Amino acid sequence: MSQQKKPTNAERRQAARERIAEQRRAEARRRRNIRIASIAGAVVVVAGIAVGVTFAVSGSGSSSDSTAAANFGKGGEKITSLPMGGKPDANSMDTNPSLLATTANDASGQLVDGRVSSNNMEQTAYHIHAHLQIYVNGQQKLIPYGVGIVPPYQLERPNSSSYFVGGGSKFYYLHTHDETGVIHVESPTKQQYTLGDFFNVWGQTLSSSQVGPDKGTVTVYVDGAKYTGDPTKITLTSHKEIQLDVGKVVAPQKFDWTGSNE
């Protein structure tokens, strides 16, 4: 029996883009529905007040009717509580043993570094992607899904690949949807963000002698060239490729953006 073809990185990224686009379309529909419901609710409330005045004058009317009118349109935003397939649950952080670190120390909605905020949906006025690879003593360490995305998650697992976070209660302007190392920079205004900002959202240490929990001499490459400055000051620009080596030095690895609109 032939084995199922494993999806390429380009195919996984394309699937990820399609899921993000659908999420945004769903969010736009939800917002339109909320506006329509709000208008309808206002009309019903006005009508309910008028009916209530009539009932008060006539001395008749049902208390249950007035209660229903008062509660019309009230209710919180529904957030999907379980991912596709039901496992893991929507609060499950990435625990892949190949991770540099989990999102246990991730920011939970507070302002980070005085400029990296969060919102209940992704911002697209300024939307670029950078890539981060990390090696510890020659072994690649993955960046987890959900950095900068506050649970509960909407988790998906297409084509038996790693989980993809399609939604959450809040999105920081810097976040990850999966384990590919792609950092999504999605901000309401064009602003310069740094690798240090991303690590602070992640709740992990970054210096010339430590990356996350791993300590040692840190060798940095930016777009294939050795970088000797402060790694926290590296700016996140479109398609910038960043590699951090702790201990053993690994030749800079090129990330394949082929076929990607990111």
Protein backbone atom coordinates (compact mmCIF):
# COMPACT_ATOMS: atom_id res chain seq x y z
CA MET A 1 0.00 0.00 0.00
CA SER A 2 1.45 3.38 -1.03
CA GLN A 3 2.13 5.97 1.63
CA GLN A 4 0.21 9.23 1.67
CA LYS A 5 2.28 12.07 0.20
CA LYS A 6 3.52 14.41 2.92
CA PRO A 7 2.58 18.04 2.19
CA THR A 8 5.46 20.37 1.32
CA ASN A 9 6.22 23.52 3.33
CA ALA A 10 4.79 25.61 0.51
CA GLU A 11 1.56 23.58 0.55
CA ARG A 12 1.29 23.93 4.33
CA ARG A 13 1.82 27.70 4.12
CA GLN A 14 -0.78 27.97 1.34
CA ALA A 15 -3.28 26.03 3.49
CA ALA A 16 -2.44 28.30 6.41
CA ARG A 17 -3.06 31.43 4.33
CA GLU A 18 -6.41 30.07 3.17
CA ARG A 19 -7.44 29.34 6.77
CA ILE A 20 -6.42 32.84 7.90
CA ALA A 21 -8.37 34.40 5.01
CA GLU A 22 -11.45 32.36 5.90
CA GLN A 23 -11.08 33.35 9.55
CA ARG A 24 -11.02 37.01 8.57
CA ARG A 25 -14.05 36.60 6.31
CA ALA A 26 -15.89 34.90 9.17
CA GLU A 27 -14.91 37.73 11.51
CA ALA A 28 -16.17 40.32 9.02
CA ARG A 29 -19.49 38.44 8.72
CA ARG A 30 -19.74 38.24 12.50
CA ARG A 31 -19.19 41.98 12.85
CA ARG A 32 -21.82 42.70 10.19
CA ASN A 33 -24.26 40.40 11.99
CA ILE A 34 -23.54 42.14 15.28
CA ARG A 35 -24.28 45.53 13.70
CA ILE A 36 -27.50 44.24 12.19
CA ALA A 37 -28.52 42.62 15.48
CA SER A 38 -27.73 45.84 17.34
CA ILE A 39 -29.96 47.85 15.00
CA ALA A 40 -32.72 45.27 15.25
CA GLY A 41 -32.29 45.17 19.01
CA ALA A 42 -32.63 48.94 19.26
CA VAL A 43 -35.83 48.84 17.22
CA VAL A 44 -37.26 46.08 19.40
CA VAL A 45 -36.28 47.88 22.60
CA VAL A 46 -37.98 51.08 21.40
CA ALA A 47 -41.04 49.08 20.45
CA GLY A 48 -40.91 47.33 23.82
CA ILE A 49 -40.84 50.67 25.63
CA ALA A 50 -43.83 51.85 23.66
CA VAL A 51 -45.74 48.67 24.47
CA GLY A 52 -44.73 48.99 28.11
CA VAL A 53 -46.12 52.50 28.27
CA THR A 54 -49.39 51.27 26.73
CA PHE A 55 -49.58 48.42 29.25
CA ALA A 56 -48.90 50.80 32.09
CA VAL A 57 -51.72 53.09 31.00
CA SER A 58 -54.15 50.21 30.51
CA GLY A 59 -53.05 48.44 33.70
CA SER A 60 -52.52 45.16 31.85
CA GLY A 61 -49.61 43.23 30.37
CA SER A 62 -47.32 40.31 31.11
CA SER A 63 -44.16 40.69 33.21
CA SER A 64 -42.54 37.89 31.18
CA ASP A 65 -43.07 39.91 27.98
CA SER A 66 -41.32 42.95 29.43
CA THR A 67 -38.44 40.80 30.70
CA ALA A 68 -37.97 39.28 27.25
CA ALA A 69 -37.85 42.75 25.71
CA ALA A 70 -35.32 43.95 28.28
CA ASN A 71 -32.99 40.99 27.57
CA PHE A 72 -33.24 41.09 23.80
CA GLY A 73 -29.85 41.27 22.11
CA LYS A 74 -27.81 40.69 25.25
CA GLY A 75 -25.05 38.06 25.21
CA GLY A 76 -21.30 37.67 24.86
CA GLU A 77 -19.33 36.91 21.75
CA LYS A 78 -19.16 33.18 21.13
CA ILE A 79 -15.67 31.78 20.90
CA THR A 80 -15.11 28.26 19.62
CA SER A 81 -14.19 26.18 22.67
CA LEU A 82 -12.88 23.07 20.94
CA PRO A 83 -10.58 22.55 17.95
CA MET A 84 -11.37 20.32 15.04
CA GLY A 85 -11.47 16.74 16.25
CA GLY A 86 -11.96 17.77 19.85
CA LYS A 87 -8.35 17.10 20.91
CA PRO A 88 -6.44 18.80 22.36
CA ASP A 89 -8.78 21.27 24.02
CA ALA A 90 -8.84 24.94 23.14
CA ASN A 91 -6.52 25.92 25.98
CA SER A 92 -3.83 23.40 25.03
CA MET A 93 -0.48 25.01 24.42
CA ASP A 94 2.07 23.47 22.08
CA THR A 95 4.09 20.80 23.92
CA ASN A 96 6.14 19.40 21.04
CA PRO A 97 9.38 18.04 22.60
CA SER A 98 11.34 19.76 19.81
CA LEU A 99 10.32 23.23 20.98
CA LEU A 100 12.79 25.74 22.36
CA ALA A 101 10.13 26.61 24.95
CA THR A 102 6.35 26.46 25.30
CA THR A 103 4.02 29.46 25.56
CA ALA A 104 3.59 28.99 29.33
CA ASN A 105 5.09 32.45 29.94
CA ASP A 106 3.35 34.09 26.98
CA ALA A 107 1.82 37.54 27.43
CA SER A 108 -1.90 37.32 28.20
CA GLY A 109 -3.24 40.62 26.89
CA GLN A 110 -1.17 43.28 28.63
CA LEU A 111 0.86 45.85 26.68
CA VAL A 112 4.39 44.61 25.93
CA ASP A 113 7.40 46.93 25.64
CA GLY A 114 5.09 49.92 25.53
CA ARG A 115 4.12 49.32 21.90
CA VAL A 116 3.10 45.72 21.25
CA SER A 117 -0.60 45.55 22.02
CA SER A 118 -3.28 42.97 21.35
CA ASN A 119 -6.73 43.00 19.81
CA ASN A 120 -9.62 40.57 19.48
CA MET A 121 -8.81 40.07 15.81
CA GLU A 122 -5.77 40.31 13.57
CA GLN A 123 -4.76 43.73 12.25
CA THR A 124 -3.86 44.07 8.57
CA ALA A 125 -3.01 47.74 7.96
CA TYR A 126 0.66 46.78 8.33
CA HIS A 127 1.13 43.08 7.55
CA ILE A 128 4.51 41.46 6.92
CA HIS A 129 6.30 38.22 7.81
CA ALA A 130 9.78 37.42 9.05
CA HIS A 131 11.33 34.02 9.75
CA LEU A 132 13.18 32.71 12.80
CA GLN A 133 15.26 29.54 13.10
CA ILE A 134 16.96 28.45 16.33
CA TYR A 135 19.64 25.81 16.86
CA VAL A 136 20.95 24.62 20.23
CA ASN A 137 24.22 22.67 20.01
CA GLY A 138 23.43 21.85 16.39
CA GLN A 139 19.85 20.66 17.01
CA GLN A 140 16.99 22.69 15.58
CA LYS A 141 14.50 23.94 18.14
CA LEU A 142 11.01 24.91 17.01
CA ILE A 143 9.02 28.01 17.84
CA PRO A 144 5.59 26.94 19.15
CA TYR A 145 2.25 27.70 17.62
CA GLY A 146 0.27 30.34 19.48
CA VAL A 147 3.03 32.75 20.53
CA GLY A 148 1.19 36.06 20.88
CA ILE A 149 -2.26 34.45 20.58
CA VAL A 150 -4.27 34.29 23.79
CA PRO A 151 -6.39 31.13 24.35
CA PRO A 152 -8.95 29.74 23.92
CA TYR A 153 -7.62 28.66 20.53
CA GLN A 154 -9.34 27.52 17.40
CA LEU A 155 -6.97 24.68 16.57
CA GLU A 156 -6.79 22.83 13.28
CA ARG A 157 -4.59 19.99 12.09
CA PRO A 158 -4.70 19.78 8.30
CA ASN A 159 -3.09 16.91 6.40
CA SER A 160 -1.69 15.37 9.61
CA SER A 161 0.77 18.29 9.90
CA SER A 162 1.37 20.22 13.11
CA TYR A 163 -1.47 22.12 14.70
CA PHE A 164 -2.41 25.54 13.32
CA VAL A 165 -4.01 28.27 15.44
CA GLY A 166 -6.79 29.77 13.35
CA GLY A 167 -8.28 31.90 16.11
CA GLY A 168 -7.96 33.03 19.70
CA SER A 169 -9.44 35.48 22.16
CA LYS A 170 -6.69 38.06 21.44
CA PHE A 171 -3.94 38.52 18.87
CA TYR A 172 -0.75 40.42 19.60
CA TYR A 173 0.72 42.42 16.74
CA LEU A 174 3.53 39.83 16.75
CA HIS A 175 2.43 36.19 16.75
CA THR A 176 2.83 32.68 15.32
CA HIS A 177 0.12 30.44 13.90
CA ASP A 178 2.20 27.27 13.61
CA GLU A 179 5.68 25.79 14.12
CA THR A 180 7.20 26.93 10.81
CA GLY A 181 9.09 29.83 12.43
CA VAL A 182 7.16 32.45 10.49
CA ILE A 183 6.59 35.51 12.68
CA HIS A 184 3.44 37.39 11.68
CA VAL A 185 3.72 41.16 12.10
CA GLU A 186 0.17 42.49 11.89
CA SER A 187 -0.30 45.99 13.25
CA PRO A 188 -2.92 48.75 12.85
CA THR A 189 -0.10 51.18 11.94
CA LYS A 190 3.29 50.81 10.29
CA GLN A 191 5.79 50.57 13.10
CA GLN A 192 9.22 49.12 13.67
CA TYR A 193 9.17 45.99 15.82
CA THR A 194 12.17 43.97 16.94
CA LEU A 195 13.12 40.39 17.70
CA GLY A 196 13.35 41.48 21.33
CA ASP A 197 9.69 42.52 21.21
CA PHE A 198 8.76 39.07 19.92
CA PHE A 199 10.72 37.30 22.68
CA ASN A 200 9.10 39.53 25.29
CA VAL A 201 5.63 38.62 23.99
CA TRP A 202 6.78 34.98 24.19
CA GLY A 203 8.09 35.55 27.73
CA GLN A 204 11.56 34.21 26.86
CA THR A 205 15.08 35.55 27.37
CA LEU A 206 17.16 36.75 24.43
CA SER A 207 20.75 37.98 24.75
CA SER A 208 24.24 37.35 23.37
CA SER A 209 24.59 34.48 25.88
CA GLN A 210 21.07 33.02 26.16
CA VAL A 211 18.11 32.12 23.95
CA GLY A 212 15.05 31.05 25.90
CA PRO A 213 16.16 28.56 28.56
CA ASP A 214 19.42 27.67 26.76
CA LYS A 215 22.68 29.39 27.68
CA GLY A 216 25.90 29.60 25.71
CA THR A 217 27.61 31.70 23.09
CA VAL A 218 24.95 32.92 20.67
CA THR A 219 25.89 33.27 17.01
CA VAL A 220 23.43 35.30 14.95
CA TYR A 221 22.81 35.35 11.22
CA VAL A 222 20.52 37.82 9.46
CA ASP A 223 19.69 37.07 5.83
CA GLY A 224 22.68 34.72 5.68
CA ALA A 225 25.22 37.23 7.00
CA LYS A 226 26.75 37.15 10.47
CA TYR A 227 25.32 39.75 12.80
CA THR A 228 27.42 41.00 15.73
CA GLY A 229 25.06 43.47 17.37
CA ASP A 230 22.47 43.06 20.12
CA PRO A 231 20.03 40.35 18.92
CA THR A 232 17.12 42.04 20.69
CA LYS A 233 17.57 45.05 18.37
CA ILE A 234 17.13 43.12 15.11
CA THR A 235 14.20 44.72 13.31
CA LEU A 236 11.45 42.54 11.88
CA THR A 237 11.06 43.45 8.23
CA SER A 238 9.42 41.69 5.31
CA HIS A 239 10.95 38.26 4.63
CA LYS A 240 13.90 38.90 6.94
CA GLU A 241 15.51 35.58 7.85
CA ILE A 242 17.01 35.33 11.34
CA GLN A 243 19.00 32.39 12.70
CA LEU A 244 20.15 32.00 16.30
CA ASP A 245 22.76 29.36 17.14
CA VAL A 246 23.44 28.57 20.81
CA GLY A 247 26.78 26.78 21.25
CA LYS A 248 27.69 24.87 18.10
CA VAL A 249 27.53 27.04 15.00
CA VAL A 250 25.29 25.89 12.15
CA ALA A 251 25.77 27.30 8.65
CA PRO A 252 22.93 29.73 7.89
CA GLN A 253 19.90 27.91 6.55
CA LYS A 254 17.79 29.49 3.83
CA PHE A 255 14.03 29.50 4.41
CA ASP A 256 11.95 28.50 1.40
CA TRP A 257 9.42 31.25 0.62
CA THR A 258 8.74 29.72 -2.81
CA GLY A 259 5.10 29.81 -3.79
CA SER A 260 4.29 31.94 -0.78
CA ASN A 261 2.50 35.28 -0.70
CA GLU A 262 3.79 35.87 2.81
